[in-house]
Amino acid sequence: MKVICCDDNSLHLSLIQSALRNAGLKTKPEIWKTGSSGQQAIDLYLEAKKSGVQIDLVTLDIRMPVLDGLSALVKIKSINPLQRVVMASSEDEGTVEGKSREGRDALPEREKFLLLDKVKTRVISGDFTPGKISRILDACEELFLDPIEIAKHFKANGYLHKPYKVENVKAVIEHVMSGGGFLAKVG
């Protein structure tokens, strides 16, 4: 199983790699390449595709510089809708709670998702127009949307919460690789 892992924190990057290697999976993961931004994840994915390397799994941190993991998820899924992607972050369901609930929070969910789809179109096309939201995580924050729910909405296959526990990594990866639906392991 060939894996691309991307996280801007080198400690978390090495921890996810170690957890993958030590999870006791039936097929031992081979970390093909690593990156530290969502843009690097996309570039590595395209490099693998061009080289004929079959990537079985991509792990993405949600918050990364240059391009966030949610935006990378959207772009990778636009290239290959069947690609297995696991989001890995310290985000949890309470991330958006406690923030100011003015403005866009008053928008109905349907309108929020219409705006989110516009951002998705910009991400896929590479349109980073100044003054417009051009990244999925920025849209989540602007619209008070839970990043984990948005990862699920955009067809991430699973979610791992930092710090990584080997048993959670094993459970999520086995579930994802067997073709199961979205699985989140928090804690």
N, C-alpha and C. Protein backbone atom coordinates (compact mmCIF):
# COMPACT_ATOMS: atom_id res chain seq x y z
N MET A 1 0.85 -1.17 0.00
CA MET A 1 0.00 0.00 0.00
C MET A 1 0.90 1.23 0.00
N LYS A 2 0.79 2.05 -1.04
CA LYS A 2 1.59 3.28 -1.15
C LYS A 2 0.78 4.46 -0.61
N VAL A 3 1.47 5.27 0.22
CA VAL A 3 0.79 6.35 0.93
C VAL A 3 1.55 7.66 0.73
N ILE A 4 0.78 8.74 0.56
CA ILE A 4 1.31 10.09 0.62
C ILE A 4 0.79 10.69 1.92
N CYS A 5 1.70 11.23 2.73
CA CYS A 5 1.33 11.87 4.00
C CYS A 5 1.73 13.34 3.95
N CYS A 6 0.80 14.23 4.31
CA CYS A 6 1.12 15.66 4.32
C CYS A 6 0.65 16.31 5.61
N ASP A 7 1.59 16.97 6.27
CA ASP A 7 1.31 17.72 7.49
C ASP A 7 2.43 18.75 7.62
N ASP A 8 2.08 19.97 7.99
CA ASP A 8 3.10 21.02 8.11
C ASP A 8 3.90 20.93 9.40
N ASN A 9 3.45 20.11 10.34
CA ASN A 9 4.17 19.92 11.59
C ASN A 9 5.00 18.64 11.47
N SER A 10 6.33 18.77 11.49
CA SER A 10 7.20 17.61 11.25
C SER A 10 7.01 16.52 12.31
N LEU A 11 6.71 16.90 13.54
CA LEU A 11 6.46 15.91 14.58
C LEU A 11 5.19 15.11 14.25
N HIS A 12 4.12 15.79 13.90
CA HIS A 12 2.87 15.09 13.56
C HIS A 12 3.04 14.26 12.29
N LEU A 13 3.84 14.75 11.36
CA LEU A 13 4.09 13.99 10.14
C LEU A 13 4.80 12.68 10.47
N SER A 14 5.80 12.74 11.33
CA SER A 14 6.51 11.50 11.68
C SER A 14 5.63 10.59 12.54
N LEU A 15 4.75 11.18 13.37
CA LEU A 15 3.85 10.36 14.19
C LEU A 15 2.83 9.60 13.34
N ILE A 16 2.27 10.24 12.33
CA ILE A 16 1.30 9.54 11.47
C ILE A 16 2.01 8.44 10.69
N GLN A 17 3.22 8.71 10.22
CA GLN A 17 3.97 7.68 9.51
C GLN A 17 4.26 6.49 10.41
N SER A 18 4.69 6.77 11.63
CA SER A 18 4.99 5.72 12.58
C SER A 18 3.74 4.94 12.93
N ALA A 19 2.63 5.64 13.16
CA ALA A 19 1.37 4.95 13.48
C ALA A 19 0.93 4.06 12.32
N LEU A 20 1.09 4.51 11.10
CA LEU A 20 0.75 3.69 9.93
C LEU A 20 1.61 2.43 9.88
N ARG A 21 2.92 2.62 10.09
CA ARG A 21 3.84 1.48 10.01
C ARG A 21 3.62 0.47 11.14
N ASN A 22 3.20 0.96 12.31
CA ASN A 22 3.06 0.10 13.48
C ASN A 22 1.64 -0.36 13.75
N ALA A 23 0.72 -0.07 12.85
CA ALA A 23 -0.69 -0.40 13.09
C ALA A 23 -1.01 -1.88 12.90
N GLY A 24 -0.07 -2.64 12.37
CA GLY A 24 -0.32 -4.06 12.17
C GLY A 24 -1.34 -4.33 11.07
N LEU A 25 -1.32 -3.49 10.06
CA LEU A 25 -2.24 -3.67 8.94
C LEU A 25 -1.84 -4.89 8.11
N LYS A 26 -2.82 -5.52 7.47
CA LYS A 26 -2.54 -6.70 6.65
C LYS A 26 -1.53 -6.38 5.56
N THR A 27 -1.74 -5.25 4.89
CA THR A 27 -0.80 -4.79 3.87
C THR A 27 0.02 -3.67 4.49
N LYS A 28 1.32 -3.91 4.63
CA LYS A 28 2.20 -2.93 5.28
C LYS A 28 2.30 -1.67 4.40
N PRO A 29 2.00 -0.51 5.01
CA PRO A 29 2.08 0.74 4.25
C PRO A 29 3.52 1.12 3.90
N GLU A 30 3.67 1.62 2.70
CA GLU A 30 4.95 2.20 2.27
C GLU A 30 4.70 3.69 2.07
N ILE A 31 5.37 4.52 2.85
CA ILE A 31 5.22 5.96 2.69
C ILE A 31 5.97 6.34 1.42
N TRP A 32 5.21 6.64 0.37
CA TRP A 32 5.82 6.94 -0.92
C TRP A 32 6.54 8.28 -0.86
N LYS A 33 5.83 9.30 -0.41
CA LYS A 33 6.43 10.63 -0.26
C LYS A 33 5.64 11.40 0.79
N THR A 34 6.27 12.47 1.30
CA THR A 34 5.61 13.33 2.29
C THR A 34 5.68 14.78 1.83
N GLY A 35 4.79 15.58 2.38
CA GLY A 35 4.78 17.00 2.08
C GLY A 35 4.32 17.78 3.28
N SER A 36 4.40 19.11 3.17
CA SER A 36 4.05 19.96 4.31
C SER A 36 2.98 21.00 3.98
N SER A 37 2.33 20.84 2.83
CA SER A 37 1.24 21.75 2.48
C SER A 37 0.25 21.02 1.58
N GLY A 38 -0.93 21.57 1.49
CA GLY A 38 -1.92 21.00 0.59
C GLY A 38 -1.47 21.05 -0.86
N GLN A 39 -0.76 22.11 -1.22
CA GLN A 39 -0.26 22.21 -2.59
C GLN A 39 0.76 21.11 -2.87
N GLN A 40 1.62 20.82 -1.90
CA GLN A 40 2.58 19.73 -2.08
C GLN A 40 1.85 18.40 -2.22
N ALA A 41 0.77 18.21 -1.48
CA ALA A 41 -0.01 16.97 -1.60
C ALA A 41 -0.52 16.80 -3.02
N ILE A 42 -1.04 17.86 -3.59
CA ILE A 42 -1.55 17.81 -4.97
C ILE A 42 -0.40 17.54 -5.93
N ASP A 43 0.70 18.25 -5.77
CA ASP A 43 1.86 18.07 -6.65
C ASP A 43 2.39 16.64 -6.57
N LEU A 44 2.48 16.09 -5.37
CA LEU A 44 2.95 14.70 -5.20
C LEU A 44 1.97 13.72 -5.84
N TYR A 45 0.70 13.97 -5.67
CA TYR A 45 -0.31 13.10 -6.26
C TYR A 45 -0.21 13.11 -7.79
N LEU A 46 -0.05 14.29 -8.35
CA LEU A 46 0.10 14.39 -9.81
C LEU A 46 1.40 13.75 -10.28
N GLU A 47 2.48 13.90 -9.50
CA GLU A 47 3.76 13.26 -9.82
C GLU A 47 3.59 11.74 -9.85
N ALA A 48 2.91 11.19 -8.86
CA ALA A 48 2.68 9.74 -8.81
C ALA A 48 1.87 9.30 -10.02
N LYS A 49 0.84 10.03 -10.33
CA LYS A 49 -0.03 9.69 -11.47
C LYS A 49 0.78 9.71 -12.77
N LYS A 50 1.60 10.74 -12.95
CA LYS A 50 2.42 10.87 -14.15
C LYS A 50 3.45 9.74 -14.24
N SER A 51 3.97 9.31 -13.09
CA SER A 51 4.99 8.25 -13.04
C SER A 51 4.39 6.85 -13.08
N GLY A 52 3.07 6.75 -13.05
CA GLY A 52 2.43 5.44 -13.04
C GLY A 52 2.42 4.77 -11.68
N VAL A 53 2.66 5.53 -10.62
CA VAL A 53 2.64 4.99 -9.27
C VAL A 53 1.21 5.03 -8.74
N GLN A 54 0.70 3.89 -8.28
CA GLN A 54 -0.64 3.81 -7.73
C GLN A 54 -0.61 4.20 -6.25
N ILE A 55 -1.21 5.31 -5.92
CA ILE A 55 -1.30 5.75 -4.53
C ILE A 55 -2.59 5.16 -3.95
N ASP A 56 -2.44 4.41 -2.87
CA ASP A 56 -3.59 3.77 -2.25
C ASP A 56 -4.27 4.64 -1.20
N LEU A 57 -3.49 5.54 -0.59
CA LEU A 57 -4.03 6.36 0.49
C LEU A 57 -3.27 7.68 0.57
N VAL A 58 -4.02 8.74 0.86
CA VAL A 58 -3.43 10.06 1.11
C VAL A 58 -3.92 10.50 2.48
N THR A 59 -2.98 10.93 3.34
CA THR A 59 -3.37 11.53 4.62
C THR A 59 -3.06 13.02 4.55
N LEU A 60 -4.02 13.82 4.99
CA LEU A 60 -3.89 15.27 4.92
C LEU A 60 -4.24 15.91 6.25
N ASP A 61 -3.38 16.80 6.73
CA ASP A 61 -3.73 17.65 7.85
C ASP A 61 -4.74 18.66 7.34
N ILE A 62 -5.65 19.10 8.18
CA ILE A 62 -6.63 20.10 7.74
C ILE A 62 -6.00 21.47 7.60
N ARG A 63 -5.21 21.89 8.59
CA ARG A 63 -4.60 23.23 8.57
C ARG A 63 -3.15 23.13 8.12
N MET A 64 -2.90 23.64 6.92
CA MET A 64 -1.53 23.69 6.39
C MET A 64 -1.35 25.00 5.64
N PRO A 65 -0.10 25.44 5.52
CA PRO A 65 0.16 26.68 4.78
C PRO A 65 0.01 26.48 3.27
N VAL A 66 0.01 27.55 2.56
CA VAL A 66 -0.11 27.62 1.10
C VAL A 66 -1.50 27.17 0.67
N LEU A 67 -1.86 25.94 0.97
CA LEU A 67 -3.18 25.42 0.64
C LEU A 67 -3.57 24.43 1.73
N ASP A 68 -4.74 24.60 2.29
CA ASP A 68 -5.19 23.75 3.40
C ASP A 68 -5.52 22.34 2.90
N GLY A 69 -5.64 21.41 3.84
CA GLY A 69 -5.91 20.03 3.51
C GLY A 69 -7.29 19.81 2.91
N LEU A 70 -8.29 20.59 3.32
CA LEU A 70 -9.63 20.45 2.74
C LEU A 70 -9.62 20.83 1.26
N SER A 71 -8.88 21.88 0.92
CA SER A 71 -8.77 22.28 -0.49
C SER A 71 -8.01 21.21 -1.28
N ALA A 72 -6.96 20.64 -0.67
CA ALA A 72 -6.22 19.56 -1.34
C ALA A 72 -7.13 18.35 -1.54
N LEU A 73 -7.96 18.04 -0.55
CA LEU A 73 -8.93 16.95 -0.67
C LEU A 73 -9.83 17.16 -1.89
N VAL A 74 -10.38 18.35 -2.01
CA VAL A 74 -11.28 18.68 -3.13
C VAL A 74 -10.56 18.51 -4.46
N LYS A 75 -9.34 19.01 -4.55
CA LYS A 75 -8.58 18.92 -5.81
C LYS A 75 -8.22 17.47 -6.14
N ILE A 76 -7.75 16.72 -5.16
CA ILE A 76 -7.39 15.31 -5.39
C ILE A 76 -8.62 14.51 -5.80
N LYS A 77 -9.75 14.74 -5.14
CA LYS A 77 -10.98 14.03 -5.49
C LYS A 77 -11.49 14.44 -6.88
N SER A 78 -11.15 15.65 -7.33
CA SER A 78 -11.54 16.05 -8.70
C SER A 78 -10.69 15.31 -9.73
N ILE A 79 -9.47 14.96 -9.36
CA ILE A 79 -8.59 14.19 -10.24
C ILE A 79 -9.00 12.72 -10.24
N ASN A 80 -9.28 12.19 -9.05
CA ASN A 80 -9.68 10.79 -8.91
C ASN A 80 -10.72 10.67 -7.80
N PRO A 81 -12.00 10.64 -8.15
CA PRO A 81 -13.06 10.58 -7.13
C PRO A 81 -12.96 9.34 -6.23
N LEU A 82 -12.27 8.31 -6.67
CA LEU A 82 -12.17 7.08 -5.89
C LEU A 82 -10.95 7.05 -4.97
N GLN A 83 -10.11 8.07 -5.06
CA GLN A 83 -8.91 8.08 -4.22
C GLN A 83 -9.29 8.07 -2.75
N ARG A 84 -8.67 7.22 -1.98
CA ARG A 84 -8.92 7.15 -0.54
C ARG A 84 -8.10 8.24 0.15
N VAL A 85 -8.80 9.07 0.92
CA VAL A 85 -8.16 10.18 1.62
C VAL A 85 -8.64 10.19 3.06
N VAL A 86 -7.69 10.27 3.98
CA VAL A 86 -8.00 10.39 5.40
C VAL A 86 -7.48 11.74 5.88
N MET A 87 -8.38 12.50 6.48
CA MET A 87 -7.99 13.78 7.06
C MET A 87 -7.45 13.50 8.46
N ALA A 88 -6.41 14.21 8.83
CA ALA A 88 -5.78 14.00 10.12
C ALA A 88 -5.50 15.38 10.73
N SER A 89 -6.07 15.63 11.90
CA SER A 89 -5.93 16.96 12.47
C SER A 89 -6.28 16.97 13.94
N SER A 90 -6.10 18.12 14.56
CA SER A 90 -6.53 18.28 15.95
C SER A 90 -7.90 18.94 16.02
N GLU A 91 -8.50 19.18 14.85
CA GLU A 91 -9.85 19.74 14.81
C GLU A 91 -10.81 18.75 15.46
N ASP A 92 -11.83 19.28 16.10
CA ASP A 92 -12.89 18.41 16.59
C ASP A 92 -14.22 19.13 16.40
N GLU A 93 -15.30 18.49 16.80
CA GLU A 93 -16.63 19.05 16.55
C GLU A 93 -16.83 20.41 17.21
N GLY A 94 -16.05 20.74 18.24
CA GLY A 94 -16.21 22.00 18.94
C GLY A 94 -15.42 23.15 18.34
N THR A 95 -14.72 22.92 17.26
CA THR A 95 -13.84 23.94 16.69
C THR A 95 -14.59 25.22 16.34
N VAL A 96 -15.79 25.09 15.77
CA VAL A 96 -16.51 26.29 15.35
C VAL A 96 -17.38 26.86 16.46
N GLU A 97 -17.55 26.12 17.55
CA GLU A 97 -18.36 26.63 18.65
C GLU A 97 -17.59 27.70 19.40
N GLY A 98 -18.31 28.64 19.95
CA GLY A 98 -17.68 29.69 20.75
C GLY A 98 -17.19 30.87 19.93
N LYS A 99 -17.20 30.75 18.61
CA LYS A 99 -16.82 31.88 17.77
C LYS A 99 -18.02 32.80 17.62
N SER A 100 -17.77 34.01 17.23
CA SER A 100 -18.85 34.97 17.02
C SER A 100 -19.87 34.39 16.05
N ARG A 101 -21.12 34.49 16.40
CA ARG A 101 -22.19 33.91 15.57
C ARG A 101 -22.94 34.98 14.78
N GLU A 102 -22.26 36.05 14.42
CA GLU A 102 -22.90 37.12 13.66
C GLU A 102 -22.69 36.89 12.17
N GLY A 103 -23.41 37.65 11.38
CA GLY A 103 -23.18 37.65 9.94
C GLY A 103 -23.55 36.37 9.24
N ARG A 104 -22.55 35.70 8.68
CA ARG A 104 -22.79 34.54 7.82
C ARG A 104 -23.42 33.36 8.55
N ASP A 105 -23.30 33.34 9.88
CA ASP A 105 -23.90 32.24 10.62
C ASP A 105 -25.42 32.26 10.49
N ALA A 106 -25.97 33.44 10.20
CA ALA A 106 -27.41 33.56 10.05
C ALA A 106 -27.90 33.00 8.71
N LEU A 107 -27.00 32.73 7.80
CA LEU A 107 -27.39 32.17 6.50
C LEU A 107 -27.95 30.77 6.66
N PRO A 108 -28.98 30.44 5.90
CA PRO A 108 -29.48 29.06 5.91
C PRO A 108 -28.41 28.10 5.39
N GLU A 109 -28.43 26.85 5.87
CA GLU A 109 -27.45 25.84 5.47
C GLU A 109 -27.35 25.73 3.95
N ARG A 110 -28.49 25.74 3.26
CA ARG A 110 -28.50 25.61 1.80
C ARG A 110 -27.63 26.68 1.15
N GLU A 111 -27.76 27.94 1.62
CA GLU A 111 -26.97 29.03 1.07
C GLU A 111 -25.49 28.88 1.39
N LYS A 112 -25.20 28.40 2.59
CA LYS A 112 -23.81 28.16 2.96
C LYS A 112 -23.17 27.15 2.01
N PHE A 113 -23.90 26.08 1.71
CA PHE A 113 -23.35 25.05 0.84
C PHE A 113 -23.28 25.51 -0.62
N LEU A 114 -24.15 26.41 -1.04
CA LEU A 114 -24.03 27.00 -2.38
C LEU A 114 -22.76 27.83 -2.47
N LEU A 115 -22.49 28.62 -1.42
CA LEU A 115 -21.24 29.40 -1.38
C LEU A 115 -20.03 28.47 -1.34
N LEU A 116 -20.12 27.41 -0.55
CA LEU A 116 -19.03 26.45 -0.45
C LEU A 116 -18.74 25.79 -1.80
N ASP A 117 -19.80 25.50 -2.56
CA ASP A 117 -19.61 24.92 -3.89
C ASP A 117 -18.92 25.90 -4.85
N LYS A 118 -19.17 27.19 -4.69
CA LYS A 118 -18.46 28.19 -5.50
C LYS A 118 -16.97 28.17 -5.17
N VAL A 119 -16.66 28.05 -3.88
CA VAL A 119 -15.26 27.98 -3.46
C VAL A 119 -14.63 26.70 -4.01
N LYS A 120 -15.36 25.60 -3.96
CA LYS A 120 -14.87 24.32 -4.51
C LYS A 120 -14.50 24.50 -5.98
N THR A 121 -15.35 25.17 -6.74
CA THR A 121 -15.08 25.40 -8.16
C THR A 121 -13.79 26.22 -8.34
N ARG A 122 -13.59 27.23 -7.48
CA ARG A 122 -12.36 28.03 -7.54
C ARG A 122 -11.14 27.18 -7.23
N VAL A 123 -11.24 26.33 -6.23
CA VAL A 123 -10.11 25.47 -5.84
C VAL A 123 -9.74 24.55 -7.00
N ILE A 124 -10.73 23.89 -7.57
CA ILE A 124 -10.47 22.94 -8.66
C ILE A 124 -9.85 23.64 -9.87
N SER A 125 -10.33 24.84 -10.17
CA SER A 125 -9.80 25.56 -11.34
C SER A 125 -8.51 26.31 -11.05
N GLY A 126 -8.15 26.43 -9.77
CA GLY A 126 -6.94 27.17 -9.41
C GLY A 126 -7.14 28.67 -9.41
N ASP A 127 -8.39 29.12 -9.32
CA ASP A 127 -8.74 30.54 -9.34
C ASP A 127 -8.58 31.13 -7.94
N PHE A 128 -7.49 31.85 -7.72
CA PHE A 128 -7.26 32.50 -6.44
C PHE A 128 -7.36 34.01 -6.62
N THR A 129 -8.57 34.48 -6.87
CA THR A 129 -8.85 35.89 -7.12
C THR A 129 -8.81 36.66 -5.80
N PRO A 130 -8.00 37.72 -5.72
CA PRO A 130 -7.98 38.52 -4.49
C PRO A 130 -9.38 39.03 -4.14
N GLY A 131 -9.71 38.98 -2.86
CA GLY A 131 -11.01 39.46 -2.40
C GLY A 131 -12.10 38.40 -2.41
N LYS A 132 -11.81 37.24 -2.99
CA LYS A 132 -12.77 36.15 -3.00
C LYS A 132 -12.21 34.99 -2.18
N ILE A 133 -13.09 34.29 -1.48
CA ILE A 133 -12.64 33.13 -0.72
C ILE A 133 -12.26 32.05 -1.72
N SER A 134 -11.02 31.58 -1.63
CA SER A 134 -10.49 30.63 -2.61
C SER A 134 -9.97 29.36 -1.99
N ARG A 135 -10.23 29.17 -0.71
CA ARG A 135 -9.78 27.96 -0.01
C ARG A 135 -10.93 27.43 0.84
N ILE A 136 -11.06 26.12 0.89
CA ILE A 136 -12.17 25.50 1.60
C ILE A 136 -12.14 25.81 3.09
N LEU A 137 -10.97 25.73 3.73
CA LEU A 137 -10.91 26.00 5.16
C LEU A 137 -11.31 27.44 5.47
N ASP A 138 -10.89 28.38 4.63
CA ASP A 138 -11.30 29.78 4.82
C ASP A 138 -12.83 29.90 4.76
N ALA A 139 -13.44 29.17 3.83
CA ALA A 139 -14.90 29.19 3.71
C ALA A 139 -15.56 28.60 4.95
N CYS A 140 -14.99 27.51 5.47
CA CYS A 140 -15.52 26.91 6.70
C CYS A 140 -15.53 27.93 7.83
N GLU A 141 -14.43 28.64 7.97
CA GLU A 141 -14.33 29.61 9.06
C GLU A 141 -15.27 30.79 8.83
N GLU A 142 -15.35 31.25 7.61
CA GLU A 142 -16.22 32.39 7.28
C GLU A 142 -17.70 32.04 7.47
N LEU A 143 -18.06 30.80 7.15
CA LEU A 143 -19.46 30.37 7.20
C LEU A 143 -19.81 29.59 8.47
N PHE A 144 -18.88 29.48 9.38
CA PHE A 144 -19.07 28.74 10.63
C PHE A 144 -19.48 27.29 10.37
N LEU A 145 -18.73 26.64 9.50
CA LEU A 145 -18.98 25.24 9.18
C LEU A 145 -17.90 24.37 9.83
N ASP A 146 -18.29 23.22 10.31
CA ASP A 146 -17.39 22.28 10.97
C ASP A 146 -16.47 21.64 9.91
N PRO A 147 -15.15 21.82 10.03
CA PRO A 147 -14.23 21.26 9.03
C PRO A 147 -14.35 19.74 8.87
N ILE A 148 -14.67 19.03 9.94
CA ILE A 148 -14.80 17.57 9.83
C ILE A 148 -16.02 17.21 9.00
N GLU A 149 -17.12 17.91 9.23
CA GLU A 149 -18.33 17.67 8.44
C GLU A 149 -18.10 18.03 6.98
N ILE A 150 -17.33 19.07 6.75
CA ILE A 150 -17.04 19.48 5.36
C ILE A 150 -16.12 18.45 4.71
N ALA A 151 -15.18 17.89 5.45
CA ALA A 151 -14.34 16.82 4.90
C ALA A 151 -15.22 15.65 4.48
N LYS A 152 -16.17 15.30 5.31
CA LYS A 152 -17.11 14.22 4.99
C LYS A 152 -17.94 14.59 3.76
N HIS A 153 -18.43 15.84 3.72
CA HIS A 153 -19.23 16.33 2.58
C HIS A 153 -18.45 16.20 1.27
N PHE A 154 -17.16 16.47 1.32
CA PHE A 154 -16.34 16.40 0.10
C PHE A 154 -15.70 15.03 -0.09
N LYS A 155 -16.25 14.03 0.57
CA LYS A 155 -15.93 12.61 0.33
C LYS A 155 -14.58 12.15 0.87
N ALA A 156 -14.10 12.79 1.96
CA ALA A 156 -12.97 12.18 2.66
C ALA A 156 -13.45 10.82 3.14
N ASN A 157 -12.56 9.87 3.22
CA ASN A 157 -12.95 8.52 3.62
C ASN A 157 -12.86 8.30 5.11
N GLY A 158 -12.12 9.16 5.80
CA GLY A 158 -11.98 9.01 7.24
C GLY A 158 -11.32 10.21 7.87
N TYR A 159 -11.29 10.18 9.20
CA TYR A 159 -10.72 11.28 9.97
C TYR A 159 -10.00 10.71 11.18
N LEU A 160 -8.80 11.19 11.42
CA LEU A 160 -8.02 10.82 12.60
C LEU A 160 -7.72 12.06 13.41
N HIS A 161 -7.91 11.97 14.70
CA HIS A 161 -7.67 13.09 15.60
C HIS A 161 -6.27 12.96 16.21
N LYS A 162 -5.55 14.08 16.27
CA LYS A 162 -4.24 14.11 16.91
C LYS A 162 -4.42 14.23 18.41
N PRO A 163 -3.58 13.67 19.24
CA PRO A 163 -2.44 12.83 18.87
C PRO A 163 -2.92 11.45 18.44
N TYR A 164 -2.17 10.85 17.55
CA TYR A 164 -2.57 9.59 16.95
C TYR A 164 -2.35 8.42 17.90
N LYS A 165 -3.36 7.58 17.98
CA LYS A 165 -3.25 6.32 18.72
C LYS A 165 -3.21 5.22 17.68
N VAL A 166 -2.26 4.32 17.81
CA VAL A 166 -2.07 3.26 16.81
C VAL A 166 -3.37 2.49 16.57
N GLU A 167 -4.11 2.18 17.64
CA GLU A 167 -5.34 1.41 17.45
C GLU A 167 -6.39 2.18 16.66
N ASN A 168 -6.44 3.52 16.82
CA ASN A 168 -7.37 4.32 16.03
C ASN A 168 -6.94 4.38 14.57
N VAL A 169 -5.63 4.53 14.35
CA VAL A 169 -5.11 4.56 12.99
C VAL A 169 -5.44 3.24 12.31
N LYS A 170 -5.20 2.14 12.98
CA LYS A 170 -5.49 0.82 12.41
C LYS A 170 -6.97 0.70 12.07
N ALA A 171 -7.85 1.07 12.98
CA ALA A 171 -9.29 0.94 12.75
C ALA A 171 -9.75 1.77 11.55
N VAL A 172 -9.30 3.02 11.49
CA VAL A 172 -9.73 3.89 10.39
C VAL A 172 -9.16 3.40 9.06
N ILE A 173 -7.87 3.08 9.01
CA ILE A 173 -7.25 2.66 7.75
C ILE A 173 -7.85 1.34 7.26
N GLU A 174 -8.04 0.37 8.14
CA GLU A 174 -8.67 -0.89 7.71
C GLU A 174 -10.06 -0.64 7.17
N HIS A 175 -10.82 0.21 7.84
CA HIS A 175 -12.18 0.54 7.39
C HIS A 175 -12.15 1.22 6.02
N VAL A 176 -11.28 2.20 5.87
CA VAL A 176 -11.16 2.94 4.61
C VAL A 176 -10.72 2.02 3.48
N MET A 177 -9.70 1.20 3.73
CA MET A 177 -9.17 0.34 2.68
C MET A 177 -10.16 -0.77 2.29
N SER A 178 -11.08 -1.11 3.18
CA SER A 178 -12.09 -2.13 2.85
C SER A 178 -13.27 -1.53 2.11
N GLY A 179 -13.24 -0.22 1.90
CA GLY A 179 -14.30 0.43 1.13
C GLY A 179 -15.47 0.91 1.97
N GLY A 180 -15.29 0.94 3.29
CA GLY A 180 -16.36 1.42 4.17
C GLY A 180 -16.58 2.91 4.01
N GLY A 181 -17.72 3.39 4.51
CA GLY A 181 -18.06 4.80 4.48
C GLY A 181 -17.19 5.59 5.43
N PHE A 182 -17.43 6.88 5.50
CA PHE A 182 -16.65 7.79 6.34
C PHE A 182 -16.58 7.28 7.76
N LEU A 183 -15.37 7.26 8.31
CA LEU A 183 -15.17 6.82 9.69
C LEU A 183 -14.28 7.82 10.39
N ALA A 184 -14.76 8.31 11.52
CA ALA A 184 -13.98 9.25 12.32
C ALA A 184 -13.59 8.60 13.64
N LYS A 185 -12.33 8.72 13.99
CA LYS A 185 -11.85 8.29 15.30
C LYS A 185 -11.29 9.53 15.98
N VAL A 186 -11.98 9.98 17.00
CA VAL A 186 -11.54 11.15 17.74
C VAL A 186 -10.96 10.67 19.05
N GLY A 187 -9.74 11.12 19.35
CA GLY A 187 -9.10 10.76 20.62
C GLY A 187 -8.29 9.50 20.54
